[in-house]
Amino acid sequence: MTFTNLLPFLLILVYSEVVALVHRKCISPSPSSNFTLDGYYGLWFEVGKIQTFGGALLQRHCVCTTVQVAPKTNRTNGDCTAVNSCRKLKPQGQYLNATGYLENMNPPGKWKQWFFVFAPEADYTVIYLDKDFAVEYDCSDKLGMTNYCIHILARVPNPDPTKVQSLVEFAEGLGLNKSKLRYKETKQRGCW
């Protein structure tokens, strides 16, 4: 096969990659209309998630996942920490954690998130919040890649599955799952 014969195939391949990159850009959803810092502070149990590969690197072996959200010491501008903790592979597995820093809140419920100096910064938005549930979307367009996570959080480890499904559908309805990834339940049974 000659280069001339391959040229149409190569052009289609390049075009499809460009379209895919444009299609996968981060979305900038509005934060929950009833967001308050006091309503978001505290302990959350991750009951499920939708994640790209890059978004899942820190959590790929996690079960029993929690997020503890608290104001940063000596800050009154909405800067927070979100301490993500889990067990590796099984409820008795190695304890793992990573502290996310939520800074530059604007508007309320939307921050820039970073974990460590060289990690890509992500947009972090609480798109749904009530007293029992939260849905958080974070996304980063860095190094030519788009990585995102949609986290379904609850105040109890095993909440009503009907409500959880409605929150997954809510997030899907916002078009946040551009790669059409499947929802994965986070194991919480046997953890507490």
N, C-alpha and C. Protein backbone atom coordinates (compact mmCIF):
# COMPACT_ATOMS: atom_id res chain seq x y z
N MET A 1 0.85 -1.17 0.00
CA MET A 1 0.00 0.00 0.00
C MET A 1 0.89 1.24 0.00
N THR A 2 0.56 2.20 -0.83
CA THR A 2 1.36 3.41 -0.93
C THR A 2 0.83 4.50 -0.01
N PHE A 3 1.67 5.53 0.18
CA PHE A 3 1.25 6.66 1.01
C PHE A 3 0.00 7.32 0.43
N THR A 4 -0.10 7.41 -0.90
CA THR A 4 -1.26 8.02 -1.54
C THR A 4 -2.53 7.26 -1.19
N ASN A 5 -2.44 5.95 -1.11
CA ASN A 5 -3.61 5.14 -0.74
C ASN A 5 -3.95 5.31 0.75
N LEU A 6 -2.94 5.55 1.56
CA LEU A 6 -3.16 5.71 3.00
C LEU A 6 -3.63 7.12 3.37
N LEU A 7 -3.38 8.10 2.52
CA LEU A 7 -3.68 9.49 2.85
C LEU A 7 -5.14 9.71 3.27
N PRO A 8 -6.15 9.21 2.54
CA PRO A 8 -7.53 9.42 3.00
C PRO A 8 -7.78 8.82 4.39
N PHE A 9 -7.22 7.65 4.64
CA PHE A 9 -7.38 7.01 5.94
C PHE A 9 -6.74 7.86 7.03
N LEU A 10 -5.52 8.37 6.79
CA LEU A 10 -4.83 9.20 7.76
C LEU A 10 -5.58 10.51 8.02
N LEU A 11 -6.13 11.12 6.98
CA LEU A 11 -6.90 12.35 7.16
C LEU A 11 -8.15 12.11 8.01
N ILE A 12 -8.83 11.01 7.76
CA ILE A 12 -10.01 10.67 8.57
C ILE A 12 -9.60 10.43 10.02
N LEU A 13 -8.49 9.74 10.22
CA LEU A 13 -8.01 9.47 11.58
C LEU A 13 -7.69 10.76 12.31
N VAL A 14 -6.95 11.67 11.68
CA VAL A 14 -6.60 12.95 12.29
C VAL A 14 -7.85 13.76 12.58
N TYR A 15 -8.77 13.82 11.62
CA TYR A 15 -10.02 14.56 11.81
C TYR A 15 -10.81 14.00 12.99
N SER A 16 -10.91 12.68 13.10
CA SER A 16 -11.68 12.09 14.20
C SER A 16 -11.04 12.38 15.55
N GLU A 17 -9.69 12.42 15.61
CA GLU A 17 -9.01 12.75 16.85
C GLU A 17 -9.25 14.20 17.25
N VAL A 18 -9.22 15.12 16.28
CA VAL A 18 -9.48 16.54 16.56
C VAL A 18 -10.91 16.70 17.06
N VAL A 19 -11.87 16.06 16.40
CA VAL A 19 -13.27 16.13 16.84
C VAL A 19 -13.41 15.57 18.25
N ALA A 20 -12.73 14.47 18.52
CA ALA A 20 -12.81 13.86 19.85
C ALA A 20 -12.26 14.80 20.91
N LEU A 21 -11.14 15.46 20.64
CA LEU A 21 -10.57 16.39 21.60
C LEU A 21 -11.51 17.56 21.87
N VAL A 22 -12.09 18.11 20.83
CA VAL A 22 -13.03 19.22 21.00
C VAL A 22 -14.26 18.76 21.76
N HIS A 23 -14.74 17.58 21.42
CA HIS A 23 -15.96 17.04 22.03
C HIS A 23 -15.79 16.79 23.52
N ARG A 24 -14.59 16.46 23.95
CA ARG A 24 -14.37 16.07 25.33
C ARG A 24 -13.98 17.22 26.24
N LYS A 25 -14.00 18.44 25.79
CA LYS A 25 -13.63 19.57 26.65
C LYS A 25 -14.50 19.59 27.91
N CYS A 26 -13.93 20.13 28.98
CA CYS A 26 -14.68 20.25 30.22
C CYS A 26 -15.92 21.13 30.02
N ILE A 27 -16.95 20.76 30.73
CA ILE A 27 -18.18 21.55 30.77
C ILE A 27 -18.10 22.39 32.03
N SER A 28 -18.74 23.53 32.03
CA SER A 28 -18.74 24.41 33.20
C SER A 28 -20.16 24.56 33.72
N PRO A 29 -20.65 23.54 34.46
CA PRO A 29 -22.02 23.62 34.96
C PRO A 29 -22.13 24.64 36.09
N SER A 30 -23.34 25.11 36.30
CA SER A 30 -23.61 26.02 37.43
C SER A 30 -23.62 25.22 38.72
N PRO A 31 -23.16 25.84 39.80
CA PRO A 31 -23.28 25.16 41.09
C PRO A 31 -24.74 25.07 41.52
N SER A 32 -25.00 24.22 42.48
CA SER A 32 -26.34 24.05 43.03
C SER A 32 -26.90 25.40 43.46
N SER A 33 -28.14 25.67 43.11
CA SER A 33 -28.75 26.97 43.43
C SER A 33 -28.91 27.17 44.94
N ASN A 34 -28.95 26.09 45.70
CA ASN A 34 -29.10 26.22 47.15
C ASN A 34 -27.80 25.87 47.89
N PHE A 35 -26.65 26.05 47.22
CA PHE A 35 -25.37 25.74 47.84
C PHE A 35 -25.09 26.68 48.99
N THR A 36 -24.62 26.10 50.11
CA THR A 36 -24.05 26.87 51.21
C THR A 36 -22.81 26.12 51.70
N LEU A 37 -21.84 26.86 52.17
CA LEU A 37 -20.65 26.21 52.71
C LEU A 37 -21.01 25.33 53.90
N ASP A 38 -21.83 25.84 54.80
CA ASP A 38 -22.21 25.05 55.97
C ASP A 38 -22.90 23.75 55.56
N GLY A 39 -23.68 23.78 54.49
CA GLY A 39 -24.35 22.58 54.01
C GLY A 39 -23.40 21.56 53.40
N TYR A 40 -22.25 22.04 52.91
CA TYR A 40 -21.29 21.14 52.26
C TYR A 40 -20.21 20.64 53.22
N TYR A 41 -19.93 21.38 54.27
CA TYR A 41 -18.92 20.94 55.23
C TYR A 41 -19.33 19.63 55.88
N GLY A 42 -18.34 18.86 56.26
CA GLY A 42 -18.59 17.64 57.01
C GLY A 42 -18.19 16.39 56.24
N LEU A 43 -18.60 15.26 56.79
CA LEU A 43 -18.24 13.95 56.24
C LEU A 43 -19.27 13.50 55.21
N TRP A 44 -18.76 13.07 54.05
CA TRP A 44 -19.58 12.50 52.98
C TRP A 44 -19.05 11.11 52.65
N PHE A 45 -19.97 10.20 52.33
CA PHE A 45 -19.61 8.87 51.83
C PHE A 45 -19.81 8.88 50.32
N GLU A 46 -18.78 8.48 49.59
CA GLU A 46 -18.94 8.37 48.15
C GLU A 46 -19.69 7.07 47.87
N VAL A 47 -20.88 7.18 47.28
CA VAL A 47 -21.67 5.98 47.00
C VAL A 47 -21.51 5.53 45.56
N GLY A 48 -20.95 6.39 44.71
CA GLY A 48 -20.70 5.99 43.33
C GLY A 48 -20.06 7.12 42.55
N LYS A 49 -19.60 6.76 41.33
CA LYS A 49 -18.88 7.75 40.54
C LYS A 49 -18.89 7.37 39.07
N ILE A 50 -18.64 8.37 38.26
CA ILE A 50 -18.37 8.21 36.83
C ILE A 50 -17.04 8.92 36.62
N GLN A 51 -16.01 8.18 36.13
CA GLN A 51 -14.67 8.76 36.03
C GLN A 51 -13.96 8.34 34.76
N THR A 52 -13.21 9.26 34.20
CA THR A 52 -12.28 8.91 33.13
C THR A 52 -11.07 8.23 33.76
N PHE A 53 -10.22 7.64 32.93
CA PHE A 53 -9.04 6.94 33.44
C PHE A 53 -8.15 7.87 34.27
N GLY A 54 -7.86 9.04 33.75
CA GLY A 54 -7.00 9.99 34.47
C GLY A 54 -7.64 10.45 35.77
N GLY A 55 -8.95 10.64 35.75
CA GLY A 55 -9.65 11.04 36.95
C GLY A 55 -9.64 9.96 38.02
N ALA A 56 -9.50 8.73 37.59
CA ALA A 56 -9.56 7.60 38.53
C ALA A 56 -8.19 7.17 39.05
N LEU A 57 -7.12 7.80 38.60
CA LEU A 57 -5.79 7.34 39.02
C LEU A 57 -5.62 7.30 40.53
N LEU A 58 -6.12 8.33 41.22
CA LEU A 58 -5.98 8.36 42.67
C LEU A 58 -6.93 7.39 43.37
N GLN A 59 -7.99 6.96 42.68
CA GLN A 59 -9.02 6.14 43.33
C GLN A 59 -9.20 4.75 42.74
N ARG A 60 -8.35 4.32 41.86
CA ARG A 60 -8.63 3.11 41.11
C ARG A 60 -8.79 1.86 41.97
N HIS A 61 -8.18 1.80 43.13
CA HIS A 61 -8.30 0.61 43.99
C HIS A 61 -9.15 0.87 45.24
N CYS A 62 -9.89 1.98 45.26
CA CYS A 62 -10.57 2.41 46.48
C CYS A 62 -11.92 1.73 46.72
N VAL A 63 -12.14 1.39 47.98
CA VAL A 63 -13.45 1.03 48.52
C VAL A 63 -13.59 1.82 49.82
N CYS A 64 -14.79 1.90 50.36
CA CYS A 64 -15.02 2.59 51.63
C CYS A 64 -14.59 4.06 51.55
N THR A 65 -14.87 4.71 50.44
CA THR A 65 -14.38 6.07 50.20
C THR A 65 -15.22 7.11 50.93
N THR A 66 -14.52 8.05 51.57
CA THR A 66 -15.17 9.19 52.21
C THR A 66 -14.48 10.47 51.78
N VAL A 67 -15.19 11.57 51.95
CA VAL A 67 -14.64 12.90 51.70
C VAL A 67 -15.02 13.76 52.90
N GLN A 68 -14.03 14.33 53.55
CA GLN A 68 -14.25 15.22 54.70
C GLN A 68 -13.95 16.64 54.23
N VAL A 69 -14.98 17.48 54.15
CA VAL A 69 -14.83 18.85 53.68
C VAL A 69 -14.80 19.79 54.88
N ALA A 70 -13.80 20.66 54.92
CA ALA A 70 -13.65 21.59 56.05
C ALA A 70 -13.05 22.90 55.55
N PRO A 71 -13.37 24.00 56.25
CA PRO A 71 -12.75 25.27 55.86
C PRO A 71 -11.25 25.22 56.14
N LYS A 72 -10.47 25.88 55.27
CA LYS A 72 -9.03 25.98 55.54
C LYS A 72 -8.81 26.88 56.75
N THR A 73 -7.84 26.53 57.55
CA THR A 73 -7.52 27.29 58.76
C THR A 73 -7.26 28.75 58.41
N ASN A 74 -7.84 29.61 59.21
CA ASN A 74 -7.67 31.07 59.07
C ASN A 74 -8.16 31.64 57.74
N ARG A 75 -9.09 30.96 57.09
CA ARG A 75 -9.65 31.47 55.83
C ARG A 75 -11.15 31.68 56.00
N THR A 76 -11.64 32.79 55.49
CA THR A 76 -13.08 33.07 55.54
C THR A 76 -13.64 33.31 54.15
N ASN A 77 -12.85 33.02 53.11
CA ASN A 77 -13.25 33.29 51.74
C ASN A 77 -13.82 32.07 51.01
N GLY A 78 -14.05 30.96 51.72
CA GLY A 78 -14.58 29.76 51.10
C GLY A 78 -13.53 28.73 50.74
N ASP A 79 -12.24 29.05 50.95
CA ASP A 79 -11.21 28.05 50.68
C ASP A 79 -11.39 26.87 51.64
N CYS A 80 -11.29 25.66 51.10
CA CYS A 80 -11.56 24.44 51.89
C CYS A 80 -10.50 23.38 51.61
N THR A 81 -10.53 22.37 52.44
CA THR A 81 -9.84 21.13 52.14
C THR A 81 -10.90 20.05 51.96
N ALA A 82 -10.62 19.12 51.07
CA ALA A 82 -11.47 17.96 50.86
C ALA A 82 -10.56 16.74 50.99
N VAL A 83 -10.58 16.13 52.17
CA VAL A 83 -9.71 14.99 52.43
C VAL A 83 -10.41 13.73 51.94
N ASN A 84 -9.86 13.14 50.88
CA ASN A 84 -10.40 11.92 50.28
C ASN A 84 -9.69 10.73 50.91
N SER A 85 -10.45 9.85 51.55
CA SER A 85 -9.88 8.69 52.22
C SER A 85 -10.57 7.43 51.74
N CYS A 86 -9.83 6.33 51.71
CA CYS A 86 -10.42 5.05 51.31
C CYS A 86 -9.55 3.91 51.82
N ARG A 87 -10.02 2.71 51.55
CA ARG A 87 -9.26 1.49 51.82
C ARG A 87 -8.90 0.85 50.48
N LYS A 88 -7.74 0.26 50.40
CA LYS A 88 -7.28 -0.33 49.15
C LYS A 88 -7.88 -1.73 48.98
N LEU A 89 -8.71 -1.88 47.95
CA LEU A 89 -9.28 -3.13 47.46
C LEU A 89 -10.32 -3.79 48.36
N LYS A 90 -10.19 -3.69 49.68
CA LYS A 90 -11.15 -4.35 50.58
C LYS A 90 -11.26 -3.52 51.86
N PRO A 91 -12.36 -3.69 52.61
CA PRO A 91 -12.57 -2.87 53.81
C PRO A 91 -11.44 -2.93 54.83
N GLN A 92 -10.67 -4.00 54.85
CA GLN A 92 -9.55 -4.10 55.79
C GLN A 92 -8.23 -3.73 55.12
N GLY A 93 -8.29 -3.26 53.87
CA GLY A 93 -7.07 -2.95 53.12
C GLY A 93 -6.35 -1.72 53.64
N GLN A 94 -5.21 -1.47 53.03
CA GLN A 94 -4.37 -0.33 53.40
C GLN A 94 -5.18 0.96 53.33
N TYR A 95 -4.99 1.82 54.33
CA TYR A 95 -5.65 3.12 54.37
C TYR A 95 -4.93 4.08 53.43
N LEU A 96 -5.69 4.73 52.54
CA LEU A 96 -5.13 5.68 51.58
C LEU A 96 -5.86 7.01 51.74
N ASN A 97 -5.15 8.11 51.55
CA ASN A 97 -5.84 9.40 51.52
C ASN A 97 -5.06 10.40 50.68
N ALA A 98 -5.81 11.39 50.23
CA ALA A 98 -5.23 12.50 49.46
C ALA A 98 -6.03 13.75 49.80
N THR A 99 -5.34 14.81 50.11
CA THR A 99 -6.01 16.06 50.45
C THR A 99 -6.11 16.94 49.22
N GLY A 100 -7.36 17.27 48.86
CA GLY A 100 -7.61 18.21 47.79
C GLY A 100 -7.79 19.60 48.38
N TYR A 101 -7.22 20.59 47.73
CA TYR A 101 -7.35 21.98 48.18
C TYR A 101 -8.32 22.69 47.25
N LEU A 102 -9.39 23.22 47.81
CA LEU A 102 -10.41 23.94 47.05
C LEU A 102 -10.20 25.42 47.30
N GLU A 103 -9.85 26.15 46.26
CA GLU A 103 -9.51 27.57 46.42
C GLU A 103 -10.18 28.42 45.35
N ASN A 104 -10.19 29.73 45.61
CA ASN A 104 -10.73 30.73 44.67
C ASN A 104 -12.19 30.44 44.33
N MET A 105 -13.02 30.28 45.35
CA MET A 105 -14.44 29.98 45.13
C MET A 105 -15.11 31.17 44.43
N ASN A 106 -15.67 30.89 43.26
CA ASN A 106 -16.38 31.92 42.51
C ASN A 106 -17.14 31.28 41.36
N PRO A 107 -18.46 31.27 41.42
CA PRO A 107 -19.37 31.68 42.47
C PRO A 107 -19.39 30.64 43.59
N PRO A 108 -20.22 30.86 44.63
CA PRO A 108 -20.30 29.87 45.70
C PRO A 108 -20.63 28.47 45.16
N GLY A 109 -19.80 27.50 45.57
CA GLY A 109 -19.98 26.12 45.13
C GLY A 109 -19.07 25.72 43.98
N LYS A 110 -18.23 26.64 43.52
CA LYS A 110 -17.31 26.36 42.40
C LYS A 110 -15.91 26.85 42.77
N TRP A 111 -14.95 25.92 42.73
CA TRP A 111 -13.58 26.22 43.10
C TRP A 111 -12.61 25.75 42.03
N LYS A 112 -11.34 26.08 42.24
CA LYS A 112 -10.21 25.43 41.58
C LYS A 112 -9.68 24.42 42.59
N GLN A 113 -9.41 23.19 42.14
CA GLN A 113 -8.92 22.13 43.03
C GLN A 113 -7.53 21.70 42.59
N TRP A 114 -6.68 21.48 43.58
CA TRP A 114 -5.37 20.89 43.31
C TRP A 114 -5.00 19.98 44.46
N PHE A 115 -4.14 18.98 44.17
CA PHE A 115 -3.72 18.01 45.19
C PHE A 115 -2.26 18.21 45.60
N PHE A 116 -1.40 18.43 44.65
CA PHE A 116 0.00 18.69 44.96
C PHE A 116 0.57 19.56 43.84
N VAL A 117 1.73 20.10 44.05
CA VAL A 117 2.27 21.17 43.22
C VAL A 117 2.23 20.86 41.72
N PHE A 118 2.62 19.69 41.29
CA PHE A 118 2.70 19.41 39.86
C PHE A 118 1.46 18.75 39.28
N ALA A 119 0.46 18.51 40.10
CA ALA A 119 -0.79 17.90 39.60
C ALA A 119 -1.60 18.95 38.85
N PRO A 120 -2.29 18.54 37.78
CA PRO A 120 -3.12 19.50 37.05
C PRO A 120 -4.25 20.03 37.93
N GLU A 121 -4.46 21.32 37.86
CA GLU A 121 -5.57 21.96 38.57
C GLU A 121 -6.87 21.60 37.85
N ALA A 122 -7.94 21.44 38.61
CA ALA A 122 -9.23 21.07 38.04
C ALA A 122 -10.31 22.06 38.50
N ASP A 123 -11.33 22.20 37.68
CA ASP A 123 -12.54 22.90 38.11
C ASP A 123 -13.33 21.93 38.98
N TYR A 124 -13.85 22.39 40.10
CA TYR A 124 -14.54 21.56 41.08
C TYR A 124 -15.86 22.27 41.39
N THR A 125 -16.98 21.60 41.08
CA THR A 125 -18.28 22.24 41.24
C THR A 125 -19.26 21.30 41.94
N VAL A 126 -19.92 21.81 42.96
CA VAL A 126 -21.00 21.07 43.62
C VAL A 126 -22.27 21.41 42.84
N ILE A 127 -22.74 20.45 42.04
CA ILE A 127 -23.87 20.73 41.15
C ILE A 127 -25.22 20.40 41.78
N TYR A 128 -25.19 19.66 42.90
CA TYR A 128 -26.42 19.34 43.62
C TYR A 128 -26.07 19.27 45.10
N LEU A 129 -26.95 19.83 45.94
CA LEU A 129 -26.73 19.75 47.38
C LEU A 129 -28.06 19.84 48.10
N ASP A 130 -28.29 18.87 48.98
CA ASP A 130 -29.37 18.96 49.96
C ASP A 130 -28.79 18.43 51.28
N LYS A 131 -29.61 18.26 52.30
CA LYS A 131 -29.05 17.88 53.60
C LYS A 131 -28.48 16.46 53.62
N ASP A 132 -28.92 15.62 52.68
CA ASP A 132 -28.50 14.21 52.67
C ASP A 132 -27.58 13.82 51.52
N PHE A 133 -27.57 14.61 50.44
CA PHE A 133 -26.84 14.23 49.24
C PHE A 133 -26.11 15.42 48.62
N ALA A 134 -25.04 15.11 47.91
CA ALA A 134 -24.33 16.09 47.09
C ALA A 134 -23.86 15.38 45.82
N VAL A 135 -23.77 16.14 44.74
CA VAL A 135 -23.16 15.64 43.51
C VAL A 135 -22.07 16.64 43.16
N GLU A 136 -20.86 16.13 43.00
CA GLU A 136 -19.71 16.98 42.70
C GLU A 136 -19.14 16.57 41.35
N TYR A 137 -18.81 17.58 40.54
CA TYR A 137 -18.21 17.37 39.22
C TYR A 137 -16.87 18.09 39.19
N ASP A 138 -15.80 17.36 38.87
CA ASP A 138 -14.52 18.03 38.67
C ASP A 138 -13.96 17.62 37.33
N CYS A 139 -13.26 18.56 36.70
CA CYS A 139 -12.78 18.33 35.34
C CYS A 139 -11.52 19.14 35.09
N SER A 140 -10.62 18.55 34.31
CA SER A 140 -9.36 19.20 33.97
C SER A 140 -9.05 18.97 32.49
N ASP A 141 -8.74 20.04 31.78
CA ASP A 141 -8.26 19.97 30.39
C ASP A 141 -6.79 20.33 30.42
N LYS A 142 -5.94 19.35 30.56
CA LYS A 142 -4.49 19.61 30.64
C LYS A 142 -3.73 18.62 29.78
N LEU A 143 -2.64 19.06 29.24
CA LEU A 143 -1.73 18.22 28.47
C LEU A 143 -2.45 17.50 27.32
N GLY A 144 -3.42 18.17 26.73
CA GLY A 144 -4.16 17.59 25.62
C GLY A 144 -5.16 16.53 26.00
N MET A 145 -5.44 16.38 27.31
CA MET A 145 -6.39 15.37 27.77
C MET A 145 -7.46 16.02 28.63
N THR A 146 -8.66 15.48 28.53
CA THR A 146 -9.75 15.90 29.40
C THR A 146 -10.05 14.76 30.36
N ASN A 147 -9.98 15.04 31.64
CA ASN A 147 -10.32 14.05 32.66
C ASN A 147 -11.38 14.63 33.57
N TYR A 148 -12.39 13.83 33.85
CA TYR A 148 -13.47 14.31 34.71
C TYR A 148 -13.96 13.21 35.64
N CYS A 149 -14.60 13.67 36.71
CA CYS A 149 -15.22 12.77 37.68
C CYS A 149 -16.56 13.36 38.08
N ILE A 150 -17.53 12.51 38.23
CA ILE A 150 -18.83 12.87 38.80
C ILE A 150 -18.98 11.99 40.03
N HIS A 151 -19.04 12.61 41.21
CA HIS A 151 -19.11 11.86 42.46
C HIS A 151 -20.50 12.03 43.08
N ILE A 152 -21.13 10.92 43.41
CA ILE A 152 -22.40 10.93 44.13
C ILE A 152 -22.05 10.70 45.60
N LEU A 153 -22.39 11.68 46.43
CA LEU A 153 -22.03 11.66 47.85
C LEU A 153 -23.28 11.64 48.71
N ALA A 154 -23.20 10.96 49.84
CA ALA A 154 -24.33 10.90 50.77
C ALA A 154 -23.80 11.01 52.20
N ARG A 155 -24.67 11.42 53.10
CA ARG A 155 -24.29 11.54 54.51
C ARG A 155 -24.25 10.19 55.22
N VAL A 156 -24.84 9.17 54.60
CA VAL A 156 -24.81 7.81 55.16
C VAL A 156 -24.17 6.89 54.11
N PRO A 157 -23.55 5.79 54.54
CA PRO A 157 -22.83 4.95 53.59
C PRO A 157 -23.71 4.15 52.63
N ASN A 158 -24.94 3.86 52.99
CA ASN A 158 -25.81 3.05 52.14
C ASN A 158 -27.17 3.72 52.01
N PRO A 159 -27.26 4.79 51.20
CA PRO A 159 -28.50 5.55 51.08
C PRO A 159 -29.51 4.87 50.16
N ASP A 160 -30.68 5.49 50.06
CA ASP A 160 -31.75 5.02 49.21
C ASP A 160 -31.28 4.91 47.75
N PRO A 161 -31.28 3.71 47.17
CA PRO A 161 -30.78 3.54 45.80
C PRO A 161 -31.62 4.28 44.75
N THR A 162 -32.90 4.49 45.02
CA THR A 162 -33.75 5.24 44.08
C THR A 162 -33.28 6.68 43.98
N LYS A 163 -32.95 7.29 45.11
CA LYS A 163 -32.45 8.66 45.11
C LYS A 163 -31.09 8.74 44.41
N VAL A 164 -30.23 7.76 44.67
CA VAL A 164 -28.91 7.74 44.02
C VAL A 164 -29.09 7.67 42.51
N GLN A 165 -29.98 6.80 42.03
CA GLN A 165 -30.20 6.68 40.59
C GLN A 165 -30.73 7.99 40.01
N SER A 166 -31.58 8.68 40.75
CA SER A 166 -32.10 9.95 40.24
C SER A 166 -30.98 11.00 40.14
N LEU A 167 -30.01 10.95 41.04
CA LEU A 167 -28.88 11.88 40.98
C LEU A 167 -27.93 11.56 39.83
N VAL A 168 -27.74 10.27 39.54
CA VAL A 168 -26.95 9.88 38.37
C VAL A 168 -27.62 10.41 37.11
N GLU A 169 -28.94 10.22 37.02
CA GLU A 169 -29.70 10.71 35.86
C GLU A 169 -29.65 12.23 35.76
N PHE A 170 -29.67 12.91 36.90
CA PHE A 170 -29.56 14.38 36.92
C PHE A 170 -28.23 14.81 36.29
N ALA A 171 -27.13 14.19 36.75
CA ALA A 171 -25.80 14.54 36.21
C ALA A 171 -25.70 14.20 34.73
N GLU A 172 -26.21 13.04 34.35
CA GLU A 172 -26.19 12.64 32.93
C GLU A 172 -27.00 13.64 32.10
N GLY A 173 -28.10 14.13 32.65
CA GLY A 173 -28.96 15.08 31.95
C GLY A 173 -28.28 16.42 31.70
N LEU A 174 -27.25 16.73 32.48
CA LEU A 174 -26.49 17.97 32.26
C LEU A 174 -25.43 17.82 31.17
N GLY A 175 -25.29 16.61 30.64
CA GLY A 175 -24.30 16.36 29.59
C GLY A 175 -22.87 16.29 30.09
N LEU A 176 -22.69 15.99 31.37
CA LEU A 176 -21.34 15.98 31.96
C LEU A 176 -20.53 14.75 31.59
N ASN A 177 -21.19 13.67 31.24
CA ASN A 177 -20.51 12.41 30.93
C ASN A 177 -20.27 12.32 29.43
N LYS A 178 -19.37 13.18 28.94
CA LYS A 178 -19.12 13.28 27.49
C LYS A 178 -18.62 11.98 26.88
N SER A 179 -17.90 11.18 27.63
CA SER A 179 -17.34 9.94 27.10
C SER A 179 -18.28 8.75 27.28
N LYS A 180 -19.46 8.99 27.80
CA LYS A 180 -20.48 7.94 27.98
C LYS A 180 -19.94 6.77 28.81
N LEU A 181 -19.24 7.11 29.88
CA LEU A 181 -18.71 6.09 30.78
C LEU A 181 -19.82 5.57 31.68
N ARG A 182 -19.63 4.38 32.20
CA ARG A 182 -20.69 3.81 33.05
C ARG A 182 -20.49 4.23 34.51
N TYR A 183 -21.60 4.32 35.21
CA TYR A 183 -21.61 4.63 36.63
C TYR A 183 -21.11 3.41 37.39
N LYS A 184 -20.24 3.64 38.38
CA LYS A 184 -19.72 2.55 39.21
C LYS A 184 -20.06 2.82 40.67
N GLU A 185 -20.72 1.88 41.28
CA GLU A 185 -21.04 1.99 42.70
C GLU A 185 -19.76 1.82 43.51
N THR A 186 -19.60 2.62 44.55
CA THR A 186 -18.47 2.51 45.44
C THR A 186 -18.84 1.58 46.58
N LYS A 187 -18.04 0.57 46.82
CA LYS A 187 -18.34 -0.38 47.88
C LYS A 187 -18.30 0.32 49.23
N GLN A 188 -19.40 0.27 49.95
CA GLN A 188 -19.47 0.80 51.32
C GLN A 188 -19.90 -0.28 52.31
N ARG A 189 -20.48 -1.35 51.83
CA ARG A 189 -20.92 -2.42 52.74
C ARG A 189 -19.72 -3.11 53.36
N GLY A 190 -19.81 -3.38 54.64
CA GLY A 190 -18.72 -4.02 55.35
C GLY A 190 -17.62 -3.06 55.79
N CYS A 191 -17.80 -1.78 55.51
CA CYS A 191 -16.77 -0.79 55.84
C CYS A 191 -16.97 -0.20 57.23
N TRP A 192 -18.20 -0.13 57.66
CA TRP A 192 -18.50 0.64 58.87
C TRP A 192 -19.13 -0.19 59.94
